[in-house]
PDB file of N, CA and C in Angstrom:
ATOM      1  N   UNK A   1      79.043  89.615 186.589  1.00  0.00           N
ATOM      2  CA  UNK A   1      79.951  89.725 185.581  1.00  0.00           C
ATOM      3  C   UNK A   1      79.379  90.489 184.353  1.00  0.00           C
ATOM      4  N   UNK A   2      79.948  91.597 184.049  1.00  0.00           N
ATOM      5  CA  UNK A   2      79.526  92.399 182.779  1.00  0.00           C
ATOM      6  C   UNK A   2      79.873  91.602 181.493  1.00  0.00           C
ATOM      7  N   UNK A   3      78.932  91.484 180.463  1.00  0.00           N
ATOM      8  CA  UNK A   3      79.191  91.141 179.253  1.00  0.00           C
ATOM      9  C   UNK A   3      79.625  92.142 178.290  1.00  0.00           C
ATOM     10  N   UNK A   4      79.318  93.294 178.720  1.00  0.00           N
ATOM     11  CA  UNK A   4      79.387  94.596 177.803  1.00  0.00           C
ATOM     12  C   UNK A   4      80.986  94.783 177.759  1.00  0.00           C
ATOM     13  N   UNK A   5      81.419  95.261 176.444  1.00  0.00           N
ATOM     14  CA  UNK A   5      82.732  95.490 176.246  1.00  0.00           C
ATOM     15  C   UNK A   5      83.175  96.971 176.708  1.00  0.00           C
ATOM     16  N   UNK A   6      83.884  97.113 177.824  1.00  0.00           N
ATOM     17  CA  UNK A   6      84.173  98.455 178.378  1.00  0.00           C
ATOM     18  C   UNK A   6      85.348  99.067 177.752  1.00  0.00           C
ATOM     19  N   UNK A   7      85.857  98.447 176.608  1.00  0.00           N
ATOM     20  CA  UNK A   7      87.114  98.953 175.873  1.00  0.00           C
ATOM     21  C   UNK A   7      86.698 100.279 175.426  1.00  0.00           C
ATOM     22  N   UNK A   8      87.536 101.390 175.530  1.00  0.00           N
ATOM     23  CA  UNK A   8      87.126 102.607 175.009  1.00  0.00           C
ATOM     24  C   UNK A   8      87.265 102.613 173.427  1.00  0.00           C
ATOM     25  N   UNK A   9      86.292 103.076 172.685  1.00  0.00           N
ATOM     26  CA  UNK A   9      86.344 103.044 171.341  1.00  0.00           C
ATOM     27  C   UNK A   9      87.046 104.362 170.753  1.00  0.00           C
ATOM     28  N   UNK A  10      87.948 104.181 169.760  1.00  0.00           N
ATOM     29  CA  UNK A  10      88.639 105.304 169.137  1.00  0.00           C
ATOM     30  C   UNK A  10      87.641 106.304 168.791  1.00  0.00           C
ATOM     31  N   UNK A  11      88.003 107.647 168.927  1.00  0.00           N
ATOM     32  CA  UNK A  11      86.982 108.746 168.708  1.00  0.00           C
ATOM     33  C   UNK A  11      87.593 109.463 167.479  1.00  0.00           C
ATOM     34  N   UNK A  12      88.691 109.270 167.025  1.00  0.00           N
ATOM     35  CA  UNK A  12      89.418 110.112 166.002  1.00  0.00           C
ATOM     36  C   UNK A  12      88.378 110.743 164.918  1.00  0.00           C
ATOM     37  N   UNK A  13      88.343 111.999 164.922  1.00  0.00           N
ATOM     38  CA  UNK A  13      87.444 112.693 164.022  1.00  0.00           C
ATOM     39  C   UNK A  13      88.475 113.661 163.190  1.00  0.00           C
ATOM     40  N   UNK A  14      88.916 114.608 163.816  1.00  0.00           N
ATOM     41  CA  UNK A  14      89.784 115.749 163.213  1.00  0.00           C
ATOM     42  C   UNK A  14      90.984 115.172 162.724  1.00  0.00           C
ATOM     43  N   UNK A  15      91.644 114.217 163.322  1.00  0.00           N
ATOM     44  CA  UNK A  15      93.038 113.751 162.821  1.00  0.00           C
ATOM     45  C   UNK A  15      92.902 112.534 161.901  1.00  0.00           C
ATOM     46  N   UNK A  16      91.777 112.182 161.415  1.00  0.00           N
ATOM     47  CA  UNK A  16      91.593 111.087 160.489  1.00  0.00           C
ATOM     48  C   UNK A  16      91.971 111.602 159.001  1.00  0.00           C
ATOM     49  N   UNK A  17      92.717 110.858 158.155  1.00  0.00           N
ATOM     50  CA  UNK A  17      93.039 111.418 156.902  1.00  0.00           C
ATOM     51  C   UNK A  17      91.866 111.504 156.139  1.00  0.00           C
ATOM     52  N   UNK A  18      91.762 112.721 155.400  1.00  0.00           N
ATOM     53  CA  UNK A  18      90.612 113.120 154.609  1.00  0.00           C
ATOM     54  C   UNK A  18      91.216 113.244 153.221  1.00  0.00           C
ATOM     55  N   UNK A  19      90.653 112.414 152.271  1.00  0.00           N
ATOM     56  CA  UNK A  19      91.153 112.517 150.832  1.00  0.00           C
ATOM     57  C   UNK A  19      89.751 112.575 149.843  1.00  0.00           C
ATOM     58  N   UNK A  20      90.211 113.226 148.823  1.00  0.00           N
ATOM     59  CA  UNK A  20      88.983 113.146 147.838  1.00  0.00           C
ATOM     60  C   UNK A  20      88.826 111.694 147.355  1.00  0.00           C
ATOM     61  N   UNK A  21      87.506 111.335 147.349  1.00  0.00           N
ATOM     62  CA  UNK A  21      87.224 109.994 147.062  1.00  0.00           C
ATOM     63  C   UNK A  21      87.259 109.773 145.454  1.00  0.00           C
ATOM     64  N   UNK A  22      87.545 108.559 144.939  1.00  0.00           N
ATOM     65  CA  UNK A  22      87.736 108.355 143.544  1.00  0.00           C
ATOM     66  C   UNK A  22      86.396 108.371 142.720  1.00  0.00           C
ATOM     67  N   UNK A  23      85.360 108.414 143.376  1.00  0.00           N
ATOM     68  CA  UNK A  23      83.991 108.460 142.681  1.00  0.00           C
ATOM     69  C   UNK A  23      83.334 109.865 142.632  1.00  0.00           C
ATOM     70  N   UNK A  24      83.311 110.248 141.371  1.00  0.00           N
ATOM     71  CA  UNK A  24      82.592 111.538 141.005  1.00  0.00           C
ATOM     72  C   UNK A  24      81.272 111.438 141.262  1.00  0.00           C
ATOM     73  N   UNK A  25      80.591 110.375 141.025  1.00  0.00           N
ATOM     74  CA  UNK A  25      79.313 110.071 141.414  1.00  0.00           C
ATOM     75  C   UNK A  25      78.757 110.348 142.773  1.00  0.00           C
ATOM     76  N   UNK A  26      79.658 109.631 143.548  1.00  0.00           N
ATOM     77  CA  UNK A  26      79.300 109.916 145.076  1.00  0.00           C
ATOM     78  C   UNK A  26      79.493 111.338 145.496  1.00  0.00           C
ATOM     79  N   UNK A  27      80.534 111.952 144.957  1.00  0.00           N
ATOM     80  CA  UNK A  27      80.626 113.358 145.255  1.00  0.00           C
ATOM     81  C   UNK A  27      79.450 114.140 144.878  1.00  0.00           C
ATOM     82  N   UNK A  28      78.982 114.028 143.623  1.00  0.00           N
ATOM     83  CA  UNK A  28      77.901 114.863 143.095  1.00  0.00           C
ATOM     84  C   UNK A  28      76.516 114.559 143.919  1.00  0.00           C
ATOM     85  N   UNK A  29      76.425 113.236 144.245  1.00  0.00           N
ATOM     86  CA  UNK A  29      75.137 112.728 145.030  1.00  0.00           C
ATOM     87  C   UNK A  29      75.309 113.643 146.431  1.00  0.00           C
ATOM     88  N   UNK A  30      76.429 113.662 147.034  1.00  0.00           N
ATOM     89  CA  UNK A  30      76.350 114.525 148.239  1.00  0.00           C
ATOM     90  C   UNK A  30      76.180 115.856 148.046  1.00  0.00           C
ATOM     91  N   UNK A  31      76.644 116.489 147.136  1.00  0.00           N
ATOM     92  CA  UNK A  31      76.370 117.882 146.846  1.00  0.00           C
ATOM     93  C   UNK A  31      74.953 118.135 146.688  1.00  0.00           C
ATOM     94  N   UNK A  32      74.137 117.266 145.877  1.00  0.00           N
ATOM     95  CA  UNK A  32      72.764 117.423 145.688  1.00  0.00           C
ATOM     96  C   UNK A  32      72.076 117.209 147.165  1.00  0.00           C
ATOM     97  N   UNK A  33      72.543 116.234 148.007  1.00  0.00           N
ATOM     98  CA  UNK A  33      71.994 115.982 149.254  1.00  0.00           C
ATOM     99  C   UNK A  33      71.999 117.156 150.130  1.00  0.00           C
ATOM    100  N   UNK A  34      73.081 117.981 149.994  1.00  0.00           N
ATOM    101  CA  UNK A  34      73.196 119.134 150.703  1.00  0.00           C
ATOM    102  C   UNK A  34      71.960 120.155 150.614  1.00  0.00           C
ATOM    103  N   UNK A  35      71.409 120.061 149.518  1.00  0.00           N
ATOM    104  CA  UNK A  35      70.254 120.992 149.440  1.00  0.00           C
ATOM    105  C   UNK A  35      69.074 120.609 150.275  1.00  0.00           C
ATOM    106  N   UNK A  36      68.882 119.346 150.585  1.00  0.00           N
ATOM    107  CA  UNK A  36      67.632 118.981 151.362  1.00  0.00           C
ATOM    108  C   UNK A  36      68.115 118.423 152.638  1.00  0.00           C
ATOM    109  N   UNK A  37      69.268 117.950 152.962  1.00  0.00           N
ATOM    110  CA  UNK A  37      69.612 117.483 154.106  1.00  0.00           C
ATOM    111  C   UNK A  37      71.044 117.894 154.470  1.00  0.00           C
ATOM    112  N   UNK A  38      71.431 118.946 154.765  1.00  0.00           N
ATOM    113  CA  UNK A  38      72.884 119.345 154.913  1.00  0.00           C
ATOM    114  C   UNK A  38      73.647 118.732 156.018  1.00  0.00           C
ATOM    115  N   UNK A  39      72.974 118.270 157.099  1.00  0.00           N
ATOM    116  CA  UNK A  39      73.680 117.528 158.191  1.00  0.00           C
ATOM    117  C   UNK A  39      74.071 116.176 157.671  1.00  0.00           C
ATOM    118  N   UNK A  40      73.167 115.589 157.050  1.00  0.00           N
ATOM    119  CA  UNK A  40      73.407 114.240 156.540  1.00  0.00           C
ATOM    120  C   UNK A  40      74.391 114.142 155.429  1.00  0.00           C
ATOM    121  N   UNK A  41      74.416 115.416 154.436  1.00  0.00           N
ATOM    122  CA  UNK A  41      75.352 115.469 153.473  1.00  0.00           C
ATOM    123  C   UNK A  41      76.916 115.555 154.102  1.00  0.00           C
ATOM    124  N   UNK A  42      76.907 116.441 155.193  1.00  0.00           N
ATOM    125  CA  UNK A  42      78.317 116.678 155.755  1.00  0.00           C
ATOM    126  C   UNK A  42      78.767 115.456 156.379  1.00  0.00           C
ATOM    127  N   UNK A  43      78.131 114.655 156.917  1.00  0.00           N
ATOM    128  CA  UNK A  43      78.429 113.418 157.545  1.00  0.00           C
ATOM    129  C   UNK A  43      78.718 112.441 156.593  1.00  0.00           C
ATOM    130  N   UNK A  44      78.042 112.436 155.391  1.00  0.00           N
ATOM    131  CA  UNK A  44      78.247 111.515 154.400  1.00  0.00           C
ATOM    132  C   UNK A  44      79.578 111.932 153.782  1.00  0.00           C
ATOM    133  N   UNK A  45      79.828 113.020 153.520  1.00  0.00           N
ATOM    134  CA  UNK A  45      80.919 113.635 152.912  1.00  0.00           C
ATOM    135  C   UNK A  45      82.302 113.194 153.776  1.00  0.00           C
ATOM    136  N   UNK A  46      82.206 113.254 155.114  1.00  0.00           N
ATOM    137  CA  UNK A  46      83.162 112.901 156.015  1.00  0.00           C
ATOM    138  C   UNK A  46      83.362 111.219 155.872  1.00  0.00           C
ATOM    139  N   UNK A  47      82.360 110.652 155.787  1.00  0.00           N
ATOM    140  CA  UNK A  47      82.452 109.163 155.659  1.00  0.00           C
ATOM    141  C   UNK A  47      83.008 108.586 154.395  1.00  0.00           C
ATOM    142  N   UNK A  48      82.749 109.439 153.306  1.00  0.00           N
ATOM    143  CA  UNK A  48      83.426 108.864 151.959  1.00  0.00           C
ATOM    144  C   UNK A  48      84.826 109.439 151.778  1.00  0.00           C
ATOM    145  N   UNK A  49      85.234 110.446 152.612  1.00  0.00           N
ATOM    146  CA  UNK A  49      86.452 111.024 152.567  1.00  0.00           C
ATOM    147  C   UNK A  49      87.478 110.429 153.512  1.00  0.00           C
ATOM    148  N   UNK A  50      86.995 109.762 154.594  1.00  0.00           N
ATOM    149  CA  UNK A  50      87.879 109.364 155.687  1.00  0.00           C
ATOM    150  C   UNK A  50      88.671 108.310 155.308  1.00  0.00           C
ATOM    151  N   UNK A  51      89.928 108.258 155.807  1.00  0.00           N
ATOM    152  CA  UNK A  51      90.883 107.027 155.631  1.00  0.00           C
ATOM    153  C   UNK A  51      91.557 106.782 156.898  1.00  0.00           C
ATOM    154  N   UNK A  52      92.169 105.668 156.964  1.00  0.00           N
ATOM    155  CA  UNK A  52      92.825 105.400 158.204  1.00  0.00           C
ATOM    156  C   UNK A  52      92.131 104.612 159.245  1.00  0.00           C
ATOM    157  N   UNK A  53      92.800 104.570 160.422  1.00  0.00           N
ATOM    158  CA  UNK A  53      92.284 103.655 161.508  1.00  0.00           C
ATOM    159  C   UNK A  53      91.015 104.287 162.194  1.00  0.00           C
ATOM    160  N   UNK A  54      90.733 105.751 162.143  1.00  0.00           N
ATOM    161  CA  UNK A  54      89.614 106.258 162.797  1.00  0.00           C
ATOM    162  C   UNK A  54      88.540 106.448 161.840  1.00  0.00           C
ATOM    163  N   UNK A  55      88.534 105.969 160.415  1.00  0.00           N
ATOM    164  CA  UNK A  55      87.617 106.261 159.450  1.00  0.00           C
ATOM    165  C   UNK A  55      86.103 105.808 159.948  1.00  0.00           C
ATOM    166  N   UNK A  56      85.187 106.125 159.056  1.00  0.00           N
ATOM    167  CA  UNK A  56      83.905 105.524 159.295  1.00  0.00           C
ATOM    168  C   UNK A  56      83.821 104.204 158.629  1.00  0.00           C
ATOM    169  N   UNK A  57      82.996 103.331 159.432  1.00  0.00           N
ATOM    170  CA  UNK A  57      82.847 102.030 158.873  1.00  0.00           C
ATOM    171  C   UNK A  57      81.501 101.743 158.261  1.00  0.00           C
ATOM    172  N   UNK A  58      80.676 102.699 158.358  1.00  0.00           N
ATOM    173  CA  UNK A  58      79.350 102.692 157.699  1.00  0.00           C
ATOM    174  C   UNK A  58      79.482 102.345 156.312  1.00  0.00           C
ATOM    175  N   UNK A  59      78.584 101.473 155.724  1.00  0.00           N
ATOM    176  CA  UNK A  59      78.515 101.227 154.294  1.00  0.00           C
ATOM    177  C   UNK A  59      77.763 102.124 153.478  1.00  0.00           C
ATOM    178  N   UNK A  60      78.403 102.848 152.519  1.00  0.00           N
ATOM    179  CA  UNK A  60      77.752 103.587 151.533  1.00  0.00           C
ATOM    180  C   UNK A  60      76.515 102.864 150.853  1.00  0.00           C
ATOM    181  N   UNK A  61      75.396 103.624 150.790  1.00  0.00           N
ATOM    182  CA  UNK A  61      74.214 103.254 150.133  1.00  0.00           C
ATOM    183  C   UNK A  61      73.658 104.100 149.066  1.00  0.00           C
ATOM    184  N   UNK A  62      74.040 103.960 147.843  1.00  0.00           N
ATOM    185  CA  UNK A  62      73.702 105.002 146.801  1.00  0.00           C
ATOM    186  C   UNK A  62      72.167 105.266 146.638  1.00  0.00           C
ATOM    187  N   UNK A  63      71.431 104.269 147.050  1.00  0.00           N
ATOM    188  CA  UNK A  63      69.914 104.402 147.065  1.00  0.00           C
ATOM    189  C   UNK A  63      69.431 105.346 148.153  1.00  0.00           C
ATOM    190  N   UNK A  64      70.231 105.517 149.216  1.00  0.00           N
ATOM    191  CA  UNK A  64      69.850 106.434 150.318  1.00  0.00           C
ATOM    192  C   UNK A  64      70.939 107.206 151.099  1.00  0.00           C
ATOM    193  N   UNK A  65      71.572 107.992 150.317  1.00  0.00           N
ATOM    194  CA  UNK A  65      72.887 108.563 150.895  1.00  0.00           C
ATOM    195  C   UNK A  65      72.470 109.436 152.049  1.00  0.00           C
ATOM    196  N   UNK A  66      71.372 109.891 152.316  1.00  0.00           N
ATOM    197  CA  UNK A  66      71.050 110.607 153.749  1.00  0.00           C
ATOM    198  C   UNK A  66      71.139 109.511 154.846  1.00  0.00           C
ATOM    199  N   UNK A  67      70.580 108.277 154.586  1.00  0.00           N
ATOM    200  CA  UNK A  67      70.548 107.207 155.662  1.00  0.00           C
ATOM    201  C   UNK A  67      72.133 106.962 155.901  1.00  0.00           C
ATOM    202  N   UNK A  68      72.956 106.932 154.806  1.00  0.00           N
ATOM    203  CA  UNK A  68      74.421 106.783 155.061  1.00  0.00           C
ATOM    204  C   UNK A  68      75.096 107.838 155.995  1.00  0.00           C
ATOM    205  N   UNK A  69      74.630 108.922 155.743  1.00  0.00           N
ATOM    206  CA  UNK A  69      75.228 110.117 156.474  1.00  0.00           C
ATOM    207  C   UNK A  69      74.807 110.049 157.943  1.00  0.00           C
ATOM    208  N   UNK A  70      73.512 109.533 158.159  1.00  0.00           N
ATOM    209  CA  UNK A  70      73.003 109.324 159.482  1.00  0.00           C
ATOM    210  C   UNK A  70      73.722 108.235 160.110  1.00  0.00           C
ATOM    211  N   UNK A  71      74.031 107.021 159.377  1.00  0.00           N
ATOM    212  CA  UNK A  71      74.764 106.122 160.041  1.00  0.00           C
ATOM    213  C   UNK A  71      76.232 106.378 160.355  1.00  0.00           C
ATOM    214  N   UNK A  72      76.965 107.245 159.581  1.00  0.00           N
ATOM    215  CA  UNK A  72      78.177 107.846 159.886  1.00  0.00           C
ATOM    216  C   UNK A  72      78.008 108.685 161.151  1.00  0.00           C
ATOM    217  N   UNK A  73      77.009 109.481 161.232  1.00  0.00           N
ATOM    218  CA  UNK A  73      76.786 110.397 162.481  1.00  0.00           C
ATOM    219  C   UNK A  73      76.635 109.488 163.800  1.00  0.00           C
ATOM    220  N   UNK A  74      75.770 108.586 163.629  1.00  0.00           N
ATOM    221  CA  UNK A  74      75.604 107.546 164.750  1.00  0.00           C
ATOM    222  C   UNK A  74      76.687 106.776 165.143  1.00  0.00           C
ATOM    223  N   UNK A  75      77.522 106.548 164.295  1.00  0.00           N
ATOM    224  CA  UNK A  75      78.760 105.825 164.502  1.00  0.00           C
ATOM    225  C   UNK A  75      79.712 106.589 165.391  1.00  0.00           C
ATOM    226  N   UNK A  76      79.865 107.878 164.831  1.00  0.00           N
ATOM    227  CA  UNK A  76      80.843 108.868 165.420  1.00  0.00           C
ATOM    228  C   UNK A  76      80.231 109.290 166.878  1.00  0.00           C
ATOM    229  N   UNK A  77      79.037 109.470 167.034  1.00  0.00           N
ATOM    230  CA  UNK A  77      78.486 109.704 168.281  1.00  0.00           C
ATOM    231  C   UNK A  77      78.570 108.666 169.288  1.00  0.00           C
ATOM    232  N   UNK A  78      78.440 107.421 168.921  1.00  0.00           N
ATOM    233  CA  UNK A  78      78.605 106.178 169.741  1.00  0.00           C
ATOM    234  C   UNK A  78      80.075 106.017 170.137  1.00  0.00           C
ATOM    235  N   UNK A  79      81.070 106.613 169.499  1.00  0.00           N
ATOM    236  CA  UNK A  79      82.465 106.567 169.925  1.00  0.00           C
ATOM    237  C   UNK A  79      82.750 107.691 170.927  1.00  0.00           C
ATOM    238  N   UNK A  80      81.783 108.426 171.051  1.00  0.00           N
ATOM    239  CA  UNK A  80      81.955 109.611 172.053  1.00  0.00           C
ATOM    240  C   UNK A  80      82.284 110.923 171.405  1.00  0.00           C
ATOM    241  N   UNK A  81      82.326 111.154 170.056  1.00  0.00           N
ATOM    242  CA  UNK A  81      82.647 112.289 169.651  1.00  0.00           C
ATOM    243  C   UNK A  81      81.689 113.381 169.766  1.00  0.00           C
ATOM    244  N   UNK A  82      82.125 114.573 170.150  1.00  0.00           N
ATOM    245  CA  UNK A  82      80.966 115.596 170.143  1.00  0.00           C
ATOM    246  C   UNK A  82      80.435 115.919 168.968  1.00  0.00           C
ATOM    247  N   UNK A  83      79.077 116.431 168.873  1.00  0.00           N
ATOM    248  CA  UNK A  83      78.336 116.547 167.670  1.00  0.00           C
ATOM    249  C   UNK A  83      78.973 117.762 167.004  1.00  0.00           C
ATOM    250  N   UNK A  84      79.355 118.845 167.631  1.00  0.00           N
ATOM    251  CA  UNK A  84      79.833 119.863 166.936  1.00  0.00           C
ATOM    252  C   UNK A  84      81.213 119.609 166.162  1.00  0.00           C
ATOM    253  N   UNK A  85      82.017 118.802 166.765  1.00  0.00           N
ATOM    254  CA  UNK A  85      83.255 118.242 166.225  1.00  0.00           C
ATOM    255  C   UNK A  85      82.934 117.586 164.946  1.00  0.00           C
ATOM    256  N   UNK A  86      81.923 116.680 165.078  1.00  0.00           N
ATOM    257  CA  UNK A  86      81.652 115.937 163.754  1.00  0.00           C
ATOM    258  C   UNK A  86      81.203 116.724 162.766  1.00  0.00           C
ATOM    259  N   UNK A  87      80.420 117.715 163.021  1.00  0.00           N
ATOM    260  CA  UNK A  87      79.652 118.645 161.977  1.00  0.00           C
ATOM    261  C   UNK A  87      80.837 119.532 161.354  1.00  0.00           C
ATOM    262  N   UNK A  88      81.708 119.925 162.131  1.00  0.00           N
ATOM    263  CA  UNK A  88      82.961 120.732 161.652  1.00  0.00           C
ATOM    264  C   UNK A  88      83.803 119.847 160.753  1.00  0.00           C
ATOM    265  N   UNK A  89      84.107 118.727 161.104  1.00  0.00           N
ATOM    266  CA  UNK A  89      84.806 117.821 160.272  1.00  0.00           C
ATOM    267  C   UNK A  89      83.967 117.484 158.936  1.00  0.00           C
ATOM    268  N   UNK A  90      82.806 117.203 159.029  1.00  0.00           N
ATOM    269  CA  UNK A  90      81.986 116.927 157.905  1.00  0.00           C
ATOM    270  C   UNK A  90      81.999 118.168 156.919  1.00  0.00           C
ATOM    271  N   UNK A  91      81.883 119.436 157.491  1.00  0.00           N
ATOM    272  CA  UNK A  91      81.895 120.478 156.851  1.00  0.00           C
ATOM    273  C   UNK A  91      83.119 120.706 155.988  1.00  0.00           C
ATOM    274  N   UNK A  92      84.394 120.484 156.617  1.00  0.00           N
ATOM    275  CA  UNK A  92      85.633 120.407 155.946  1.00  0.00           C
ATOM    276  C   UNK A  92      85.542 119.512 154.761  1.00  0.00           C
ATOM    277  N   UNK A  93      85.181 118.190 155.099  1.00  0.00           N
ATOM    278  CA  UNK A  93      85.217 117.204 154.028  1.00  0.00           C
ATOM    279  C   UNK A  93      84.195 117.623 152.877  1.00  0.00           C
ATOM    280  N   UNK A  94      83.087 118.259 153.155  1.00  0.00           N
ATOM    281  CA  UNK A  94      82.045 118.635 152.065  1.00  0.00           C
ATOM    282  C   UNK A  94      82.720 119.659 151.152  1.00  0.00           C
ATOM    283  N   UNK A  95      83.305 120.712 151.895  1.00  0.00           N
ATOM    284  CA  UNK A  95      83.918 121.812 151.172  1.00  0.00           C
ATOM    285  C   UNK A  95      85.013 121.314 150.163  1.00  0.00           C
ATOM    286  N   UNK A  96      85.831 120.329 150.605  1.00  0.00           N
ATOM    287  CA  UNK A  96      86.770 119.730 149.689  1.00  0.00           C
ATOM    288  C   UNK A  96      86.188 119.028 148.546  1.00  0.00           C
ATOM    289  N   UNK A  97      85.059 118.417 148.927  1.00  0.00           N
ATOM    290  CA  UNK A  97      84.360 117.626 147.661  1.00  0.00           C
ATOM    291  C   UNK A  97      83.873 118.689 146.735  1.00  0.00           C
ATOM    292  N   UNK A  98      83.187 119.818 147.308  1.00  0.00           N
ATOM    293  CA  UNK A  98      82.604 120.843 146.434  1.00  0.00           C
ATOM    294  C   UNK A  98      83.707 121.542 145.554  1.00  0.00           C
ATOM    295  N   UNK A  99      84.842 121.637 146.265  1.00  0.00           N
ATOM    296  CA  UNK A  99      85.941 122.474 145.489  1.00  0.00           C
ATOM    297  C   UNK A  99      86.490 121.453 144.357  1.00  0.00           C
ATOM    298  N   UNK A 100      86.475 120.193 144.644  1.00  0.00           N
ATOM    299  CA  UNK A 100      86.910 119.290 143.570  1.00  0.00           C
ATOM    300  C   UNK A 100      85.929 119.295 142.420  1.00  0.00           C
ATOM    301  N   UNK A 101      84.795 119.285 142.743  1.00  0.00           N
ATOM    302  CA  UNK A 101      83.726 119.317 141.702  1.00  0.00           C
ATOM    303  C   UNK A 101      83.856 120.585 140.807  1.00  0.00           C
ATOM    304  N   UNK A 102      84.003 121.724 141.473  1.00  0.00           N
ATOM    305  CA  UNK A 102      84.183 122.863 140.801  1.00  0.00           C
ATOM    306  C   UNK A 102      85.409 122.972 139.889  1.00  0.00           C
ATOM    307  N   UNK A 103      86.587 122.368 140.467  1.00  0.00           N
ATOM    308  CA  UNK A 103      87.821 122.275 139.764  1.00  0.00           C
ATOM    309  C   UNK A 103      87.452 121.393 138.493  1.00  0.00           C
ATOM    310  N   UNK A 104      86.823 120.418 138.547  1.00  0.00           N
ATOM    311  CA  UNK A 104      86.629 119.501 137.473  1.00  0.00           C
ATOM    312  C   UNK A 104      85.820 120.272 136.438  1.00  0.00           C
ATOM    313  N   UNK A 105      84.706 121.023 136.891  1.00  0.00           N
ATOM    314  CA  UNK A 105      83.854 121.757 135.840  1.00  0.00           C
ATOM    315  C   UNK A 105      84.751 122.796 135.129  1.00  0.00           C
ATOM    316  N   UNK A 106      85.689 123.371 135.872  1.00  0.00           N
ATOM    317  CA  UNK A 106      86.500 124.449 135.271  1.00  0.00           C
ATOM    318  C   UNK A 106      87.378 123.691 134.181  1.00  0.00           C
ATOM    319  N   UNK A 107      87.965 122.606 134.415  1.00  0.00           N
ATOM    320  CA  UNK A 107      88.762 121.818 133.511  1.00  0.00           C
ATOM    321  C   UNK A 107      87.858 121.493 132.171  1.00  0.00           C
ATOM    322  N   UNK A 108      86.616 120.990 132.391  1.00  0.00           N
ATOM    323  CA  UNK A 108      85.666 120.649 131.263  1.00  0.00           C
ATOM    324  C   UNK A 108      85.401 122.008 130.631  1.00  0.00           C
ATOM    325  N   UNK A 109      85.232 123.144 131.202  1.00  0.00           N
ATOM    326  CA  UNK A 109      84.850 124.384 130.494  1.00  0.00           C
ATOM    327  C   UNK A 109      86.047 124.789 129.504  1.00  0.00           C
ATOM    328  N   UNK A 110      87.237 124.700 130.161  1.00  0.00           N
ATOM    329  CA  UNK A 110      88.488 125.084 129.349  1.00  0.00           C
ATOM    330  C   UNK A 110      88.773 124.154 128.297  1.00  0.00           C
ATOM    331  N   UNK A 111      88.300 122.883 128.405  1.00  0.00           N
ATOM    332  CA  UNK A 111      88.469 121.901 127.225  1.00  0.00           C
ATOM    333  C   UNK A 111      87.259 121.956 126.315  1.00  0.00           C
ATOM    334  N   UNK A 112      86.327 122.864 126.635  1.00  0.00           N
ATOM    335  CA  UNK A 112      85.238 122.951 125.690  1.00  0.00           C
ATOM    336  C   UNK A 112      84.165 121.831 125.883  1.00  0.00           C
ATOM    337  N   UNK A 113      84.258 121.116 127.034  1.00  0.00           N
ATOM    338  CA  UNK A 113      83.510 119.973 127.211  1.00  0.00           C
ATOM    339  C   UNK A 113      82.105 120.414 127.928  1.00  0.00           C
ATOM    340  N   UNK A 114      81.895 121.513 128.274  1.00  0.00           N
ATOM    341  CA  UNK A 114      80.890 122.041 129.195  1.00  0.00           C
ATOM    342  C   UNK A 114      79.505 121.707 128.457  1.00  0.00           C
ATOM    343  N   UNK A 115      78.578 121.406 129.255  1.00  0.00           N
ATOM    344  CA  UNK A 115      77.108 121.254 128.610  1.00  0.00           C
ATOM    345  C   UNK A 115      76.304 122.436 128.561  1.00  0.00           C
ATOM    346  N   UNK A 116      77.011 123.370 129.015  1.00  0.00           N
ATOM    347  CA  UNK A 116      76.259 124.776 129.029  1.00  0.00           C
ATOM    348  C   UNK A 116      75.888 125.117 127.535  1.00  0.00           C
ATOM    349  N   UNK A 117      74.614 125.727 127.352  1.00  0.00           N
ATOM    350  CA  UNK A 117      74.203 126.163 125.895  1.00  0.00           C
ATOM    351  C   UNK A 117      75.144 127.254 125.420  1.00  0.00           C
ATOM    352  N   UNK A 118      75.304 127.236 124.077  1.00  0.00           N
ATOM    353  CA  UNK A 118      76.144 128.220 123.515  1.00  0.00           C
ATOM    354  C   UNK A 118      75.354 129.503 123.495  1.00  0.00           C
ATOM    355  N   UNK A 119      76.088 130.586 123.558  1.00  0.00           N
ATOM    356  CA  UNK A 119      75.465 132.082 123.651  1.00  0.00           C
ATOM    357  C   UNK A 119      75.222 132.249 122.154  1.00  0.00           C
ATOM    358  N   UNK A 120      74.123 132.961 121.979  1.00  0.00           N
ATOM    359  CA  UNK A 120      73.801 133.543 120.693  1.00  0.00           C
ATOM    360  C   UNK A 120      74.098 134.926 120.377  1.00  0.00           C
TER     361      UNK A 120
END
């Protein structure tokens, strides 16, 4: 008798609701992470943006966002999701985060709250 659970795990990747997360801090950490670990950043982006039944269940770790991205990737692979599909979904989530940060900067610049040095 098998003690292993043979119930298929939900694989939902592309049809999971993706929303901008409320934390500007997490979004900025992920954008910085993309400079050194783009795969982990894309998976982390998908993780913090995913909502609904097929969302990632890995717990965010601010002290090691790359490890969080790796946990999201491992979770999705264990559900049977193809690697390329995971990366494409992560890329979409990352681009959404990046655009939200750019929009926020545009608002700050328009309001005169930019930290850019004044021109002489």
